[in-house]
């Protein structure tokens, strides 16, 4: 996900992953500029565009023979929320659709599952909605190949359509909170914004961070195979740049991160 502006101190010398963000709709795309600057009520979108379609002339969309308001799922980070609200403004005032934010989702995979018409997760069997409430999502990021294959097999011709890139690049990187950096500097002059400070043969940077045991065990955590720790493309880049064979392993012929308690 994207953090704009940076919510901490970037780690110098650390790998950064660039991602192309997608504009994903079932059937519509938009390309008008607008600067949203007013508060948004759930079913009211207005940014004062000249010639906007008046409320009494706005219409629903027809999905599988049913007339419904145009619904968007909003990904839960700043840039995605801004873009989603811009699209909602334009769908309402320029195209003249009744528009609402149907759902807020934490990840691209959850958003795409909802966009395909599922009211439950793929793991829970993807209970399909008779009339989908979600018709568009913007700024989706890369998803796992395994997820896309499973979604395709589950929903068939209801698979969301990729409408192309949103027009800007996103950068995903690690950061360390400024308060932690300041604490380490004040305590022992240890610069935690420099990647070589994390060599535990020389330093003990772990004293400034929580331990896995502080989380209270694995209850409530996703299985390793359902996280980015099993994205081979990520782990291979990490291994190539760090040489950390102790932090990675090969599972089913692919390089993945080594997980606490095993890779399952």
C-alpha atoms as a PDB file:
ATOM      1  CA  UNK A   1       0.000   0.000   0.000  1.00  0.00           C
ATOM      2  CA  UNK A   2       1.017   3.617  -0.390  1.00  0.00           C
ATOM      3  CA  UNK A   3       1.781   6.070   2.374  1.00  0.00           C
ATOM      4  CA  UNK A   4       1.514   9.649   1.084  1.00  0.00           C
ATOM      5  CA  UNK A   5       3.156  11.682   2.552  1.00  0.00           C
ATOM      6  CA  UNK A   6       5.703   9.306   4.124  1.00  0.00           C
ATOM      7  CA  UNK A   7       4.500   8.227   7.566  1.00  0.00           C
ATOM      8  CA  UNK A   8       7.995   7.548   8.887  1.00  0.00           C
ATOM      9  CA  UNK A   9      11.642   7.579   7.980  1.00  0.00           C
ATOM     10  CA  UNK A  10      12.514   5.584   4.819  1.00  0.00           C
ATOM     11  CA  UNK A  11      15.338   3.114   5.275  1.00  0.00           C
ATOM     12  CA  UNK A  12      18.261   4.205   3.123  1.00  0.00           C
ATOM     13  CA  UNK A  13      19.776   1.552   0.933  1.00  0.00           C
ATOM     14  CA  UNK A  14      16.762  -0.733   1.294  1.00  0.00           C
ATOM     15  CA  UNK A  15      14.920  -2.324  -1.608  1.00  0.00           C
ATOM     16  CA  UNK A  16      11.867  -0.453  -2.799  1.00  0.00           C
ATOM     17  CA  UNK A  17       9.130  -2.161  -4.791  1.00  0.00           C
ATOM     18  CA  UNK A  18       7.352  -0.167  -7.455  1.00  0.00           C
ATOM     19  CA  UNK A  19       3.818  -1.139  -8.344  1.00  0.00           C
ATOM     20  CA  UNK A  20       1.512  -0.181 -11.166  1.00  0.00           C
ATOM     21  CA  UNK A  21      -1.881   0.687  -9.749  1.00  0.00           C
ATOM     22  CA  UNK A  22      -4.967  -0.341 -11.635  1.00  0.00           C
ATOM     23  CA  UNK A  23      -8.335   1.172 -12.386  1.00  0.00           C
ATOM     24  CA  UNK A  24     -10.727  -1.769 -12.244  1.00  0.00           C
ATOM     25  CA  UNK A  25     -14.372  -1.666 -13.257  1.00  0.00           C
ATOM     26  CA  UNK A  26     -16.930  -4.161 -14.365  1.00  0.00           C
ATOM     27  CA  UNK A  27     -18.186  -1.922 -17.160  1.00  0.00           C
ATOM     28  CA  UNK A  28     -17.213   1.758 -16.828  1.00  0.00           C
ATOM     29  CA  UNK A  29     -14.164   4.012 -16.877  1.00  0.00           C
ATOM     30  CA  UNK A  30     -13.788   7.756 -16.303  1.00  0.00           C
ATOM     31  CA  UNK A  31     -11.229  10.363 -17.298  1.00  0.00           C
ATOM     32  CA  UNK A  32     -12.349  13.845 -16.155  1.00  0.00           C
ATOM     33  CA  UNK A  33     -10.298  16.028 -13.790  1.00  0.00           C
ATOM     34  CA  UNK A  34     -11.848  17.187 -10.532  1.00  0.00           C
ATOM     35  CA  UNK A  35     -10.488  18.403  -7.213  1.00  0.00           C
ATOM     36  CA  UNK A  36     -12.745  17.198  -4.383  1.00  0.00           C
ATOM     37  CA  UNK A  37     -12.746  19.733  -1.609  1.00  0.00           C
ATOM     38  CA  UNK A  38     -15.981  19.267   0.349  1.00  0.00           C
ATOM     39  CA  UNK A  39     -17.181  16.763   2.914  1.00  0.00           C
ATOM     40  CA  UNK A  40     -18.842  13.673   1.493  1.00  0.00           C
ATOM     41  CA  UNK A  41     -22.099  12.267   2.817  1.00  0.00           C
ATOM     42  CA  UNK A  42     -22.808   8.608   2.063  1.00  0.00           C
ATOM     43  CA  UNK A  43     -25.149   9.208  -0.876  1.00  0.00           C
ATOM     44  CA  UNK A  44     -24.296  12.793  -1.801  1.00  0.00           C
ATOM     45  CA  UNK A  45     -21.374  13.767  -4.001  1.00  0.00           C
ATOM     46  CA  UNK A  46     -20.952  17.371  -5.089  1.00  0.00           C
ATOM     47  CA  UNK A  47     -17.796  19.265  -6.016  1.00  0.00           C
ATOM     48  CA  UNK A  48     -19.539  22.189  -7.715  1.00  0.00           C
ATOM     49  CA  UNK A  49     -18.866  21.236 -11.326  1.00  0.00           C
ATOM     50  CA  UNK A  50     -20.495  23.650 -13.794  1.00  0.00           C
ATOM     51  CA  UNK A  51     -23.335  21.990 -15.666  1.00  0.00           C
ATOM     52  CA  UNK A  52     -23.567  19.098 -13.205  1.00  0.00           C
ATOM     53  CA  UNK A  53     -26.483  16.714 -13.694  1.00  0.00           C
ATOM     54  CA  UNK A  54     -29.164  17.749 -11.163  1.00  0.00           C
ATOM     55  CA  UNK A  55     -30.204  15.211  -8.556  1.00  0.00           C
ATOM     56  CA  UNK A  56     -33.670  14.674  -9.997  1.00  0.00           C
ATOM     57  CA  UNK A  57     -32.161  13.598 -13.338  1.00  0.00           C
ATOM     58  CA  UNK A  58     -29.649  11.116 -11.960  1.00  0.00           C
ATOM     59  CA  UNK A  59     -30.250   7.473 -12.749  1.00  0.00           C
ATOM     60  CA  UNK A  60     -29.316   4.002 -11.621  1.00  0.00           C
ATOM     61  CA  UNK A  61     -27.300   1.445 -13.542  1.00  0.00           C
ATOM     62  CA  UNK A  62     -28.829  -1.826 -14.725  1.00  0.00           C
ATOM     63  CA  UNK A  63     -27.044  -5.003 -13.607  1.00  0.00           C
ATOM     64  CA  UNK A  64     -28.465  -8.382 -14.623  1.00  0.00           C
ATOM     65  CA  UNK A  65     -31.852  -6.763 -15.195  1.00  0.00           C
ATOM     66  CA  UNK A  66     -31.930  -4.962 -11.828  1.00  0.00           C
ATOM     67  CA  UNK A  67     -31.773  -1.184 -11.387  1.00  0.00           C
ATOM     68  CA  UNK A  68     -29.273  -0.244  -8.646  1.00  0.00           C
ATOM     69  CA  UNK A  69     -27.125   2.706  -7.611  1.00  0.00           C
ATOM     70  CA  UNK A  70     -23.564   2.663  -8.930  1.00  0.00           C
ATOM     71  CA  UNK A  71     -21.511   1.258  -6.054  1.00  0.00           C
ATOM     72  CA  UNK A  72     -17.803   1.561  -5.376  1.00  0.00           C
ATOM     73  CA  UNK A  73     -15.538  -0.252  -2.966  1.00  0.00           C
ATOM     74  CA  UNK A  74     -12.912   2.013  -1.436  1.00  0.00           C
ATOM     75  CA  UNK A  75      -9.451   0.714  -0.641  1.00  0.00           C
ATOM     76  CA  UNK A  76      -8.434   1.854   2.811  1.00  0.00           C
ATOM     77  CA  UNK A  77      -5.398   4.089   2.252  1.00  0.00           C
ATOM     78  CA  UNK A  78      -5.126   7.787   1.524  1.00  0.00           C
ATOM     79  CA  UNK A  79      -4.423   7.927  -2.220  1.00  0.00           C
ATOM     80  CA  UNK A  80      -7.058   5.276  -3.016  1.00  0.00           C
ATOM     81  CA  UNK A  81      -9.687   7.087  -0.930  1.00  0.00           C
ATOM     82  CA  UNK A  82      -9.003  10.384  -2.720  1.00  0.00           C
ATOM     83  CA  UNK A  83      -9.213   8.784  -6.164  1.00  0.00           C
ATOM     84  CA  UNK A  84     -12.379   6.854  -5.293  1.00  0.00           C
ATOM     85  CA  UNK A  85     -14.097  10.030  -4.133  1.00  0.00           C
ATOM     86  CA  UNK A  86     -13.042  11.805  -7.322  1.00  0.00           C
ATOM     87  CA  UNK A  87     -14.543   9.022  -9.430  1.00  0.00           C
ATOM     88  CA  UNK A  88     -17.722   9.101  -7.343  1.00  0.00           C
ATOM     89  CA  UNK A  89     -18.034  12.871  -7.858  1.00  0.00           C
ATOM     90  CA  UNK A  90     -17.652  12.496 -11.593  1.00  0.00           C
ATOM     91  CA  UNK A  91     -19.962   9.511 -11.889  1.00  0.00           C
ATOM     92  CA  UNK A  92     -22.610  11.539 -10.078  1.00  0.00           C
ATOM     93  CA  UNK A  93     -22.221  15.028 -11.520  1.00  0.00           C
ATOM     94  CA  UNK A  94     -20.901  14.387 -15.031  1.00  0.00           C
ATOM     95  CA  UNK A  95     -22.427  11.048 -15.984  1.00  0.00           C
ATOM     96  CA  UNK A  96     -25.481  11.518 -13.772  1.00  0.00           C
ATOM     97  CA  UNK A  97     -25.479   8.256 -11.823  1.00  0.00           C
ATOM     98  CA  UNK A  98     -26.856   7.637  -8.378  1.00  0.00           C
ATOM     99  CA  UNK A  99     -23.616   6.720  -6.632  1.00  0.00           C
ATOM    100  CA  UNK A 100     -22.653   5.386  -3.235  1.00  0.00           C
ATOM    101  CA  UNK A 101     -19.628   3.977  -1.440  1.00  0.00           C
ATOM    102  CA  UNK A 102     -20.795   0.425  -0.877  1.00  0.00           C
ATOM    103  CA  UNK A 103     -17.809  -0.976   0.971  1.00  0.00           C
ATOM    104  CA  UNK A 104     -14.404  -0.126   2.453  1.00  0.00           C
ATOM    105  CA  UNK A 105     -11.835  -2.892   1.943  1.00  0.00           C
ATOM    106  CA  UNK A 106      -8.320  -3.306   3.379  1.00  0.00           C
ATOM    107  CA  UNK A 107      -6.587  -5.019   0.438  1.00  0.00           C
ATOM    108  CA  UNK A 108      -6.794  -5.327  -3.341  1.00  0.00           C
ATOM    109  CA  UNK A 109      -7.686  -9.017  -3.094  1.00  0.00           C
ATOM    110  CA  UNK A 110     -10.643  -8.311  -0.799  1.00  0.00           C
ATOM    111  CA  UNK A 111     -11.804  -5.509  -3.117  1.00  0.00           C
ATOM    112  CA  UNK A 112     -11.596  -7.669  -6.243  1.00  0.00           C
ATOM    113  CA  UNK A 113     -13.455 -10.480  -4.515  1.00  0.00           C
ATOM    114  CA  UNK A 114     -16.284  -8.056  -3.686  1.00  0.00           C
ATOM    115  CA  UNK A 115     -16.194  -6.632  -7.204  1.00  0.00           C
ATOM    116  CA  UNK A 116     -16.709 -10.139  -8.602  1.00  0.00           C
ATOM    117  CA  UNK A 117     -19.975 -10.333  -6.648  1.00  0.00           C
ATOM    118  CA  UNK A 118     -18.822 -12.339  -3.632  1.00  0.00           C
ATOM    119  CA  UNK A 119     -20.350 -11.386  -0.292  1.00  0.00           C
ATOM    120  CA  UNK A 120     -17.960 -13.721   1.547  1.00  0.00           C
ATOM    121  CA  UNK A 121     -14.274 -14.480   1.037  1.00  0.00           C
ATOM    122  CA  UNK A 122     -12.995 -17.124  -1.362  1.00  0.00           C
ATOM    123  CA  UNK A 123     -11.924 -19.166   1.651  1.00  0.00           C
ATOM    124  CA  UNK A 124     -15.540 -19.088   2.874  1.00  0.00           C
ATOM    125  CA  UNK A 125     -16.837 -20.235  -0.493  1.00  0.00           C
ATOM    126  CA  UNK A 126     -17.663 -16.890  -2.168  1.00  0.00           C
ATOM    127  CA  UNK A 127     -21.397 -16.612  -1.591  1.00  0.00           C
ATOM    128  CA  UNK A 128     -22.579 -14.709  -4.671  1.00  0.00           C
ATOM    129  CA  UNK A 129     -24.901 -11.724  -4.367  1.00  0.00           C
ATOM    130  CA  UNK A 130     -28.081 -11.879  -6.457  1.00  0.00           C
ATOM    131  CA  UNK A 131     -27.501  -8.257  -7.462  1.00  0.00           C
ATOM    132  CA  UNK A 132     -23.906  -7.018  -6.925  1.00  0.00           C
ATOM    133  CA  UNK A 133     -23.647  -3.829  -4.871  1.00  0.00           C
ATOM    134  CA  UNK A 134     -20.044  -3.140  -5.904  1.00  0.00           C
ATOM    135  CA  UNK A 135     -19.276  -2.187  -9.502  1.00  0.00           C
ATOM    136  CA  UNK A 136     -15.914  -0.418  -9.435  1.00  0.00           C
ATOM    137  CA  UNK A 137     -12.654  -0.099  -7.522  1.00  0.00           C
ATOM    138  CA  UNK A 138      -9.672   2.149  -8.221  1.00  0.00           C
ATOM    139  CA  UNK A 139      -5.973   1.840  -7.395  1.00  0.00           C
ATOM    140  CA  UNK A 140      -5.743  -1.900  -6.974  1.00  0.00           C
ATOM    141  CA  UNK A 141      -2.217  -3.236  -6.517  1.00  0.00           C
ATOM    142  CA  UNK A 142      -0.523  -6.455  -7.504  1.00  0.00           C
ATOM    143  CA  UNK A 143      -2.252  -9.625  -6.310  1.00  0.00           C
ATOM    144  CA  UNK A 144      -1.035 -13.194  -5.979  1.00  0.00           C
ATOM    145  CA  UNK A 145      -1.240 -15.438  -9.046  1.00  0.00           C
ATOM    146  CA  UNK A 146      -2.851 -18.091  -6.861  1.00  0.00           C
ATOM    147  CA  UNK A 147      -5.602 -15.668  -5.825  1.00  0.00           C
ATOM    148  CA  UNK A 148      -6.367 -14.652  -9.408  1.00  0.00           C
ATOM    149  CA  UNK A 149      -6.539 -18.277 -10.560  1.00  0.00           C
ATOM    150  CA  UNK A 150      -8.880 -19.157  -7.696  1.00  0.00           C
ATOM    151  CA  UNK A 151     -11.106 -16.121  -8.327  1.00  0.00           C
ATOM    152  CA  UNK A 152     -11.298 -16.969 -12.046  1.00  0.00           C
ATOM    153  CA  UNK A 153     -12.262 -20.558 -11.319  1.00  0.00           C
ATOM    154  CA  UNK A 154     -14.877 -19.445  -8.781  1.00  0.00           C
ATOM    155  CA  UNK A 155     -16.705 -16.587 -10.521  1.00  0.00           C
ATOM    156  CA  UNK A 156     -16.208 -17.389 -14.214  1.00  0.00           C
ATOM    157  CA  UNK A 157     -17.572 -14.621 -16.440  1.00  0.00           C
ATOM    158  CA  UNK A 158     -18.119 -12.359 -13.403  1.00  0.00           C
ATOM    159  CA  UNK A 159     -14.356 -11.781 -13.194  1.00  0.00           C
ATOM    160  CA  UNK A 160     -13.576  -8.033 -12.845  1.00  0.00           C
ATOM    161  CA  UNK A 161     -12.221  -6.319 -15.946  1.00  0.00           C
ATOM    162  CA  UNK A 162      -8.942  -4.396 -15.766  1.00  0.00           C
ATOM    163  CA  UNK A 163      -9.518  -0.975 -17.350  1.00  0.00           C
ATOM    164  CA  UNK A 164      -5.837   0.042 -17.311  1.00  0.00           C
ATOM    165  CA  UNK A 165      -3.470   2.043 -15.157  1.00  0.00           C
ATOM    166  CA  UNK A 166      -4.558   5.084 -13.183  1.00  0.00           C
ATOM    167  CA  UNK A 167      -1.746   7.229 -14.587  1.00  0.00           C
ATOM    168  CA  UNK A 168       0.702   7.408 -11.692  1.00  0.00           C
ATOM    169  CA  UNK A 169       3.222   5.111 -10.059  1.00  0.00           C
ATOM    170  CA  UNK A 170       3.130   3.919  -6.475  1.00  0.00           C
ATOM    171  CA  UNK A 171       6.166   3.128  -4.354  1.00  0.00           C
ATOM    172  CA  UNK A 172       6.020   0.619  -1.533  1.00  0.00           C
ATOM    173  CA  UNK A 173       8.869   0.522   0.946  1.00  0.00           C
ATOM    174  CA  UNK A 174       9.770  -0.172   4.558  1.00  0.00           C
ATOM    175  CA  UNK A 175       9.961   2.675   7.040  1.00  0.00           C
ATOM    176  CA  UNK A 176      10.841   3.151  10.681  1.00  0.00           C
ATOM    177  CA  UNK A 177       8.736   5.458  12.833  1.00  0.00           C
ATOM    178  CA  UNK A 178      10.519   8.714  13.579  1.00  0.00           C
ATOM    179  CA  UNK A 179      10.023   8.264  17.333  1.00  0.00           C
ATOM    180  CA  UNK A 180      11.907   4.943  17.229  1.00  0.00           C
ATOM    181  CA  UNK A 181      14.743   6.453  15.185  1.00  0.00           C
ATOM    182  CA  UNK A 182      15.040   9.301  17.689  1.00  0.00           C
ATOM    183  CA  UNK A 183      15.027   6.888  20.638  1.00  0.00           C
ATOM    184  CA  UNK A 184      17.899   4.813  19.211  1.00  0.00           C
ATOM    185  CA  UNK A 185      19.937   7.911  18.344  1.00  0.00           C
ATOM    186  CA  UNK A 186      19.433   9.430  21.802  1.00  0.00           C
ATOM    187  CA  UNK A 187      20.205   6.173  23.595  1.00  0.00           C
ATOM    188  CA  UNK A 188      23.323   5.014  21.767  1.00  0.00           C
ATOM    189  CA  UNK A 189      23.782   6.908  18.518  1.00  0.00           C
ATOM    190  CA  UNK A 190      22.380   3.984  16.499  1.00  0.00           C
ATOM    191  CA  UNK A 191      20.990   5.225  13.146  1.00  0.00           C
ATOM    192  CA  UNK A 192      18.012   2.953  12.474  1.00  0.00           C
ATOM    193  CA  UNK A 193      17.337   4.777   9.199  1.00  0.00           C
ATOM    194  CA  UNK A 194      20.507   3.144   7.817  1.00  0.00           C
ATOM    195  CA  UNK A 195      20.210  -0.473   6.759  1.00  0.00           C
ATOM    196  CA  UNK A 196      23.661  -1.562   7.957  1.00  0.00           C
ATOM    197  CA  UNK A 197      22.666  -0.749  11.521  1.00  0.00           C
ATOM    198  CA  UNK A 198      20.587  -3.927  11.443  1.00  0.00           C
ATOM    199  CA  UNK A 199      23.627  -6.241  11.394  1.00  0.00           C
ATOM    200  CA  UNK A 200      23.155  -8.049  14.722  1.00  0.00           C
ATOM    201  CA  UNK A 201      26.834  -9.039  14.764  1.00  0.00           C
ATOM    202  CA  UNK A 202      27.576  -5.391  15.577  1.00  0.00           C
ATOM    203  CA  UNK A 203      24.386  -3.959  17.088  1.00  0.00           C
ATOM    204  CA  UNK A 204      21.180  -4.928  18.886  1.00  0.00           C
ATOM    205  CA  UNK A 205      18.490  -3.002  16.959  1.00  0.00           C
ATOM    206  CA  UNK A 206      15.839  -5.503  18.077  1.00  0.00           C
ATOM    207  CA  UNK A 207      15.656  -3.846  21.502  1.00  0.00           C
ATOM    208  CA  UNK A 208      13.730  -0.954  19.909  1.00  0.00           C
ATOM    209  CA  UNK A 209      11.012  -3.138  18.379  1.00  0.00           C
ATOM    210  CA  UNK A 210       8.310  -5.484  19.615  1.00  0.00           C
ATOM    211  CA  UNK A 211       8.910  -9.220  19.540  1.00  0.00           C
ATOM    212  CA  UNK A 212       6.669 -11.713  17.780  1.00  0.00           C
ATOM    213  CA  UNK A 213       5.813 -13.165  21.186  1.00  0.00           C
ATOM    214  CA  UNK A 214       4.344  -9.775  22.181  1.00  0.00           C
ATOM    215  CA  UNK A 215       1.487 -10.436  19.756  1.00  0.00           C
ATOM    216  CA  UNK A 216       0.232 -13.267  21.944  1.00  0.00           C
ATOM    217  CA  UNK A 217       0.921 -16.206  19.685  1.00  0.00           C
ATOM    218  CA  UNK A 218      -0.467 -16.914  16.221  1.00  0.00           C
ATOM    219  CA  UNK A 219      -4.145 -16.536  17.078  1.00  0.00           C
ATOM    220  CA  UNK A 220      -5.807 -14.164  14.627  1.00  0.00           C
ATOM    221  CA  UNK A 221      -2.825 -14.101  12.252  1.00  0.00           C
ATOM    222  CA  UNK A 222      -3.062 -15.249   8.643  1.00  0.00           C
ATOM    223  CA  UNK A 223      -1.349 -18.452   7.653  1.00  0.00           C
ATOM    224  CA  UNK A 224       2.029 -17.716   6.096  1.00  0.00           C
ATOM    225  CA  UNK A 225       0.937 -19.134   2.721  1.00  0.00           C
ATOM    226  CA  UNK A 226      -1.847 -16.529   2.570  1.00  0.00           C
ATOM    227  CA  UNK A 227       0.471 -13.544   2.913  1.00  0.00           C
ATOM    228  CA  UNK A 228       3.165 -11.848   0.856  1.00  0.00           C
ATOM    229  CA  UNK A 229       5.725 -14.069   2.544  1.00  0.00           C
ATOM    230  CA  UNK A 230       4.739 -16.652  -0.062  1.00  0.00           C
ATOM    231  CA  UNK A 231       5.053 -14.306  -3.032  1.00  0.00           C
ATOM    232  CA  UNK A 232       8.037 -15.808  -4.776  1.00  0.00           C
ATOM    233  CA  UNK A 233       8.740 -12.666  -6.813  1.00  0.00           C
ATOM    234  CA  UNK A 234       9.224 -10.651  -3.613  1.00  0.00           C
ATOM    235  CA  UNK A 235      11.317 -13.259  -1.826  1.00  0.00           C
ATOM    236  CA  UNK A 236      13.586 -13.807  -4.831  1.00  0.00           C
ATOM    237  CA  UNK A 237      14.359 -10.094  -5.112  1.00  0.00           C
ATOM    238  CA  UNK A 238      15.109  -9.987  -1.377  1.00  0.00           C
ATOM    239  CA  UNK A 239      17.387 -13.025  -1.629  1.00  0.00           C
ATOM    240  CA  UNK A 240      19.214 -11.622  -4.666  1.00  0.00           C
ATOM    241  CA  UNK A 241      19.917  -8.318  -2.942  1.00  0.00           C
ATOM    242  CA  UNK A 242      20.643  -9.553   0.579  1.00  0.00           C
ATOM    243  CA  UNK A 243      22.043 -13.059   0.146  1.00  0.00           C
ATOM    244  CA  UNK A 244      20.000 -13.985   3.221  1.00  0.00           C
ATOM    245  CA  UNK A 245      19.630 -17.731   2.720  1.00  0.00           C
ATOM    246  CA  UNK A 246      18.704 -18.056   6.396  1.00  0.00           C
ATOM    247  CA  UNK A 247      15.603 -15.900   5.901  1.00  0.00           C
ATOM    248  CA  UNK A 248      14.322 -17.709   2.820  1.00  0.00           C
ATOM    249  CA  UNK A 249      13.624 -21.264   1.752  1.00  0.00           C
ATOM    250  CA  UNK A 250      12.482 -23.158  -1.332  1.00  0.00           C
ATOM    251  CA  UNK A 251       8.950 -24.560  -1.199  1.00  0.00           C
ATOM    252  CA  UNK A 252       7.493 -26.451  -4.167  1.00  0.00           C
ATOM    253  CA  UNK A 253      10.343 -25.184  -6.325  1.00  0.00           C
ATOM    254  CA  UNK A 254       9.816 -21.487  -5.484  1.00  0.00           C
ATOM    255  CA  UNK A 255      11.780 -19.181  -3.196  1.00  0.00           C
ATOM    256  CA  UNK A 256       9.650 -17.865  -0.317  1.00  0.00           C
ATOM    257  CA  UNK A 257      10.325 -16.140   2.981  1.00  0.00           C
ATOM    258  CA  UNK A 258      10.967 -18.433   5.933  1.00  0.00           C
ATOM    259  CA  UNK A 259       8.126 -18.127   8.424  1.00  0.00           C
ATOM    260  CA  UNK A 260       7.989 -18.559  12.169  1.00  0.00           C
ATOM    261  CA  UNK A 261       6.471 -21.989  12.786  1.00  0.00           C
ATOM    262  CA  UNK A 262       6.880 -23.134   9.175  1.00  0.00           C
ATOM    263  CA  UNK A 263       5.641 -22.032   5.780  1.00  0.00           C
ATOM    264  CA  UNK A 264       2.188 -23.539   6.000  1.00  0.00           C
END
